[in-house]
Amino acid sequence: MSRAESTRRRMRRGVTVVELMVTIAIIGFITAMVSLAMPSRRAPTPNAPLDQITAARHRAVTEARSVTIAVAIDGQVVNVTALADGSVIADSAARIDRMTGRSVDAKP
C-alpha cells in the first residue's frame, strides 16, 4: 500500500465540519417548517369570548342569517346569538352590548 492510499483512507474515516453544519442546517430548516405547520397551543386569552362573538357577528352579517354560539365567560357557559342585522342577543351575565357585541366593561 502506498503512502497516498494510506493518507486517503485516514481522511475518509470521519465527518467534516462542513458536512456536519449542512446536516444541522437541514434538520433546523425541517424543524422550523414542521413547527410553523402545526397549530398553536396557546392558552385562550381573556378576550377569547369577545373574539368568538365578533367572529359569529361577522359571520351572521356576511351570511345574512343568525348564528348561535356558546361561550364560557367567568366559568359560566352563555349562549350568544348574533343576528343578521349585526345585533347580539345574550344572557345578561355575558355583559355584552346588544348593538355592538362588545363587552359593557370595555373602554371605547
Protein backbone atom coordinates (compact mmCIF):
# COMPACT_ATOMS: atom_id res chain seq x y z
CA MET A 1 0.00 0.00 0.00
CA SER A 2 1.45 3.33 -0.99
CA ARG A 3 1.61 6.34 1.19
CA ALA A 4 -1.05 8.20 -0.88
CA GLU A 5 -3.58 5.38 -0.40
CA SER A 6 -2.92 5.32 3.34
CA THR A 7 -3.49 9.09 3.56
CA ARG A 8 -6.78 8.84 1.62
CA ARG A 9 -8.10 6.17 3.97
CA ARG A 10 -7.28 8.28 7.01
CA MET A 11 -9.06 11.28 5.53
CA ARG A 12 -12.33 9.40 4.84
CA ARG A 13 -12.71 7.97 8.34
CA GLY A 14 -14.59 10.92 9.85
CA VAL A 15 -17.13 13.57 9.00
CA THR A 16 -16.00 17.04 8.05
CA VAL A 17 -17.22 20.11 9.86
CA VAL A 18 -18.89 21.37 6.68
CA GLU A 19 -20.89 18.16 6.28
CA LEU A 20 -21.95 18.35 9.92
CA MET A 21 -23.02 22.01 9.60
CA VAL A 22 -25.03 21.31 6.44
CA THR A 23 -26.79 18.40 8.14
CA ILE A 24 -27.66 20.52 11.18
CA ALA A 25 -28.91 23.33 8.93
CA ILE A 26 -31.18 20.92 7.03
CA ILE A 27 -32.57 19.48 10.28
CA GLY A 28 -33.17 23.01 11.59
CA PHE A 29 -34.98 24.00 8.40
CA ILE A 30 -37.22 20.93 8.52
CA THR A 31 -37.96 21.53 12.22
CA ALA A 32 -38.91 25.15 11.51
CA MET A 33 -41.26 24.13 8.70
CA VAL A 34 -42.95 21.49 10.85
CA SER A 35 -43.38 23.86 13.80
CA LEU A 36 -44.95 26.50 11.54
CA ALA A 37 -47.35 23.95 10.09
CA MET A 38 -48.60 22.79 13.50
CA PRO A 39 -51.50 24.64 15.16
CA SER A 40 -50.59 26.73 18.16
CA ARG A 41 -51.49 25.53 21.63
CA ARG A 42 -51.64 28.87 23.37
CA ALA A 43 -53.97 29.31 26.30
CA PRO A 44 -57.10 31.25 25.47
CA THR A 45 -56.80 34.94 26.23
CA PRO A 46 -59.29 36.79 28.40
CA ASN A 47 -60.69 38.35 25.20
CA ALA A 48 -61.34 34.95 23.60
CA PRO A 49 -65.12 35.03 24.24
CA LEU A 50 -65.38 38.50 22.74
CA ASP A 51 -63.31 37.38 19.75
CA GLN A 52 -65.68 34.44 19.27
CA ILE A 53 -68.70 36.74 19.50
CA THR A 54 -67.14 39.15 17.00
CA ALA A 55 -66.47 36.28 14.59
CA ALA A 56 -70.06 35.00 14.98
CA ARG A 57 -71.40 38.51 14.41
CA HIS A 58 -69.29 38.89 11.26
CA ARG A 59 -70.47 35.51 10.00
CA ALA A 60 -74.11 36.38 10.70
CA VAL A 61 -73.87 39.64 8.77
CA THR A 62 -71.98 38.18 5.79
CA GLU A 63 -74.24 35.12 5.52
CA ALA A 64 -77.43 37.10 6.31
CA ARG A 65 -78.61 34.60 8.92
CA SER A 66 -78.47 34.28 12.69
CA VAL A 67 -75.59 32.43 14.30
CA THR A 68 -75.74 30.98 17.83
CA ILE A 69 -72.61 30.05 19.77
CA ALA A 70 -71.83 29.01 23.33
CA VAL A 71 -69.00 30.83 25.09
CA ALA A 72 -67.55 30.47 28.57
CA ILE A 73 -67.49 33.75 30.48
CA ASP A 74 -66.14 33.65 34.04
CA GLY A 75 -66.60 29.88 34.11
CA GLN A 76 -70.25 30.09 33.08
CA VAL A 77 -71.43 28.89 29.66
CA VAL A 78 -73.55 31.52 27.94
CA ASN A 79 -75.45 31.16 24.65
CA VAL A 80 -74.97 34.13 22.36
CA THR A 81 -76.95 34.72 19.18
CA ALA A 82 -75.69 37.11 16.53
CA LEU A 83 -78.44 38.31 14.23
CA ALA A 84 -78.18 39.14 10.55
CA ASP A 85 -78.55 42.87 11.26
CA GLY A 86 -75.38 42.78 13.42
CA SER A 87 -77.07 42.91 16.82
CA VAL A 88 -76.27 40.39 19.53
CA ILE A 89 -78.63 38.65 21.94
CA ALA A 90 -77.01 37.19 25.04
CA ASP A 91 -77.72 36.44 28.67
CA SER A 92 -77.17 39.42 30.95
CA ALA A 93 -74.34 37.50 32.63
CA ALA A 94 -72.35 37.96 29.44
CA ARG A 95 -72.40 41.77 29.92
CA ILE A 96 -72.43 42.38 26.16
CA ASP A 97 -73.81 45.45 24.43
CA ARG A 98 -76.70 44.37 22.21
CA MET A 99 -75.84 46.68 19.32
CA THR A 100 -72.05 46.43 19.16
CA GLY A 101 -71.37 42.95 20.53
CA ARG A 102 -68.64 44.41 22.72
CA SER A 103 -68.20 43.98 26.43
CA VAL A 104 -70.06 46.53 28.52
CA ASP A 105 -66.97 46.79 30.75
CA ALA A 106 -64.64 47.52 27.82
CA LYS A 107 -63.42 51.06 27.26
CA PRO A 108 -64.32 52.63 23.89
